[in-house]
Amino acid sequence: MSITIRRAGKEDCQRLLDLVKELAEYERAPHEVTVTLQHFEDSGFGDHPVWWGFVAVSSDESFTLNENEIVGFALYYVQGFAEQKSGIEV
């Protein structure tokens, strides 16, 4: 199996959001994911991004249905000033 780690790009947002929703389903909290694709893209790749990320891409078709499919990710982000902290989600 071959995995490549690279910075997330705007073109990855749909797959990232799909993976976030899959995790929410697993955690039995799908109602917690309220972000739209447009807002997700804007908040990561707009004029003032508040999150950044990396994606793990598999080039092994025996591991995934598609070559070069995103199979994992890590996001890091800025939280509101009131909380005075940043976060990392893996």
C-alpha atoms as a PDB file:
ATOM      1  CA  MET A   1       0.000   0.000   0.000  1.00  0.00           C
ATOM      2  CA  SER A   2       1.276   3.456  -0.898  1.00  0.00           C
ATOM      3  CA  ILE A   3       0.063   6.530   1.016  1.00  0.00           C
ATOM      4  CA  THR A   4       1.083  10.101   0.209  1.00  0.00           C
ATOM      5  CA  ILE A   5       0.577  12.996   2.639  1.00  0.00           C
ATOM      6  CA  ARG A   6       0.010  16.432   1.115  1.00  0.00           C
ATOM      7  CA  ARG A   7      -1.570  19.753   1.984  1.00  0.00           C
ATOM      8  CA  ALA A   8      -5.324  19.860   1.512  1.00  0.00           C
ATOM      9  CA  GLY A   9      -6.596  21.952  -1.382  1.00  0.00           C
ATOM     10  CA  LYS A  10      -9.972  23.471  -2.116  1.00  0.00           C
ATOM     11  CA  GLU A  11     -10.634  20.616  -4.540  1.00  0.00           C
ATOM     12  CA  ASP A  12     -10.470  18.224  -1.550  1.00  0.00           C
ATOM     13  CA  CYS A  13     -13.267  19.877   0.426  1.00  0.00           C
ATOM     14  CA  GLN A  14     -16.101  17.635  -0.755  1.00  0.00           C
ATOM     15  CA  ARG A  15     -14.201  14.470   0.203  1.00  0.00           C
ATOM     16  CA  LEU A  16     -13.120  15.994   3.531  1.00  0.00           C
ATOM     17  CA  LEU A  17     -16.700  16.901   4.353  1.00  0.00           C
ATOM     18  CA  ASP A  18     -17.803  13.386   3.389  1.00  0.00           C
ATOM     19  CA  LEU A  19     -15.229  11.927   5.790  1.00  0.00           C
ATOM     20  CA  VAL A  20     -16.326  14.319   8.554  1.00  0.00           C
ATOM     21  CA  LYS A  21     -19.920  13.171   8.053  1.00  0.00           C
ATOM     22  CA  GLU A  22     -18.858   9.508   8.091  1.00  0.00           C
ATOM     23  CA  LEU A  23     -17.116  10.082  11.417  1.00  0.00           C
ATOM     24  CA  ALA A  24     -20.174  11.858  12.803  1.00  0.00           C
ATOM     25  CA  GLU A  25     -22.344   8.894  11.785  1.00  0.00           C
ATOM     26  CA  TYR A  26     -19.930   6.520  13.525  1.00  0.00           C
ATOM     27  CA  GLU A  27     -20.013   8.705  16.637  1.00  0.00           C
ATOM     28  CA  ARG A  28     -23.837   8.740  16.441  1.00  0.00           C
ATOM     29  CA  ALA A  29     -23.824  12.512  16.116  1.00  0.00           C
ATOM     30  CA  PRO A  30     -24.685  13.335  12.491  1.00  0.00           C
ATOM     31  CA  HIS A  31     -26.738  16.310  13.701  1.00  0.00           C
ATOM     32  CA  GLU A  32     -23.487  17.915  14.901  1.00  0.00           C
ATOM     33  CA  VAL A  33     -22.273  18.476  11.313  1.00  0.00           C
ATOM     34  CA  THR A  34     -24.092  21.621  10.220  1.00  0.00           C
ATOM     35  CA  VAL A  35     -21.547  23.197   7.865  1.00  0.00           C
ATOM     36  CA  THR A  36     -22.331  23.499   4.159  1.00  0.00           C
ATOM     37  CA  LEU A  37     -19.767  22.730   1.478  1.00  0.00           C
ATOM     38  CA  GLN A  38     -19.662  26.411   0.487  1.00  0.00           C
ATOM     39  CA  HIS A  39     -18.978  27.562   4.058  1.00  0.00           C
ATOM     40  CA  PHE A  40     -16.384  24.802   4.535  1.00  0.00           C
ATOM     41  CA  GLU A  41     -14.563  25.890   1.361  1.00  0.00           C
ATOM     42  CA  ASP A  42     -14.759  29.591   2.218  1.00  0.00           C
ATOM     43  CA  SER A  43     -13.525  29.097   5.778  1.00  0.00           C
ATOM     44  CA  GLY A  44     -10.543  27.059   4.577  1.00  0.00           C
ATOM     45  CA  PHE A  45      -9.684  28.779   1.308  1.00  0.00           C
ATOM     46  CA  GLY A  46     -11.307  32.219   1.433  1.00  0.00           C
ATOM     47  CA  ASP A  47      -9.648  35.567   2.108  1.00  0.00           C
ATOM     48  CA  HIS A  48      -9.237  34.826   5.840  1.00  0.00           C
ATOM     49  CA  PRO A  49      -8.936  31.055   6.352  1.00  0.00           C
ATOM     50  CA  VAL A  50      -9.544  29.666   9.829  1.00  0.00           C
ATOM     51  CA  TRP A  51      -8.583  26.062   9.112  1.00  0.00           C
ATOM     52  CA  TRP A  52      -5.804  24.251   7.280  1.00  0.00           C
ATOM     53  CA  GLY A  53      -5.208  20.597   6.671  1.00  0.00           C
ATOM     54  CA  PHE A  54      -3.368  17.644   5.249  1.00  0.00           C
ATOM     55  CA  VAL A  55      -4.772  14.668   3.390  1.00  0.00           C
ATOM     56  CA  ALA A  56      -3.590  11.077   3.110  1.00  0.00           C
ATOM     57  CA  VAL A  57      -3.992   9.819  -0.450  1.00  0.00           C
ATOM     58  CA  SER A  58      -3.839   6.152  -1.424  1.00  0.00           C
ATOM     59  CA  SER A  59      -2.542   5.193  -4.848  1.00  0.00           C
ATOM     60  CA  ASP A  60      -3.248   1.496  -4.227  1.00  0.00           C
ATOM     61  CA  GLU A  61      -6.430   0.378  -5.980  1.00  0.00           C
ATOM     62  CA  SER A  62      -6.509  -2.820  -3.917  1.00  0.00           C
ATOM     63  CA  PHE A  63      -7.005  -0.634  -0.818  1.00  0.00           C
ATOM     64  CA  THR A  64      -9.560   1.829  -2.223  1.00  0.00           C
ATOM     65  CA  LEU A  65     -12.153   1.888  -4.961  1.00  0.00           C
ATOM     66  CA  ASN A  66     -10.364   4.683  -6.817  1.00  0.00           C
ATOM     67  CA  GLU A  67      -6.729   5.451  -7.458  1.00  0.00           C
ATOM     68  CA  ASN A  68      -5.568   8.614  -5.639  1.00  0.00           C
ATOM     69  CA  GLU A  69      -8.483   8.580  -3.199  1.00  0.00           C
ATOM     70  CA  ILE A  70      -8.283  10.549   0.043  1.00  0.00           C
ATOM     71  CA  VAL A  71      -8.391   7.986   2.838  1.00  0.00           C
ATOM     72  CA  GLY A  72      -7.573  10.193   5.824  1.00  0.00           C
ATOM     73  CA  PHE A  73      -6.991  13.759   6.911  1.00  0.00           C
ATOM     74  CA  ALA A  74      -5.810  16.061   9.677  1.00  0.00           C
ATOM     75  CA  LEU A  75      -7.250  19.532  10.201  1.00  0.00           C
ATOM     76  CA  TYR A  76      -6.006  22.322  12.403  1.00  0.00           C
ATOM     77  CA  TYR A  77      -7.976  25.470  13.041  1.00  0.00           C
ATOM     78  CA  VAL A  78      -8.422  28.691  14.975  1.00  0.00           C
ATOM     79  CA  GLN A  79     -11.204  28.895  17.538  1.00  0.00           C
ATOM     80  CA  GLY A  80     -12.962  32.061  18.697  1.00  0.00           C
ATOM     81  CA  PHE A  81     -11.079  34.697  20.655  1.00  0.00           C
ATOM     82  CA  ALA A  82     -13.202  34.092  23.739  1.00  0.00           C
ATOM     83  CA  GLU A  83     -11.734  30.620  24.091  1.00  0.00           C
ATOM     84  CA  GLN A  84      -8.130  31.798  23.481  1.00  0.00           C
ATOM     85  CA  LYS A  85      -6.944  28.493  22.042  1.00  0.00           C
ATOM     86  CA  SER A  86      -6.392  26.643  18.803  1.00  0.00           C
ATOM     87  CA  GLY A  87      -7.306  23.083  18.036  1.00  0.00           C
ATOM     88  CA  ILE A  88      -6.184  20.069  16.108  1.00  0.00           C
ATOM     89  CA  GLU A  89      -8.497  17.308  14.881  1.00  0.00           C
ATOM     90  CA  VAL A  90      -7.051  14.074  13.540  1.00  0.00           C
END
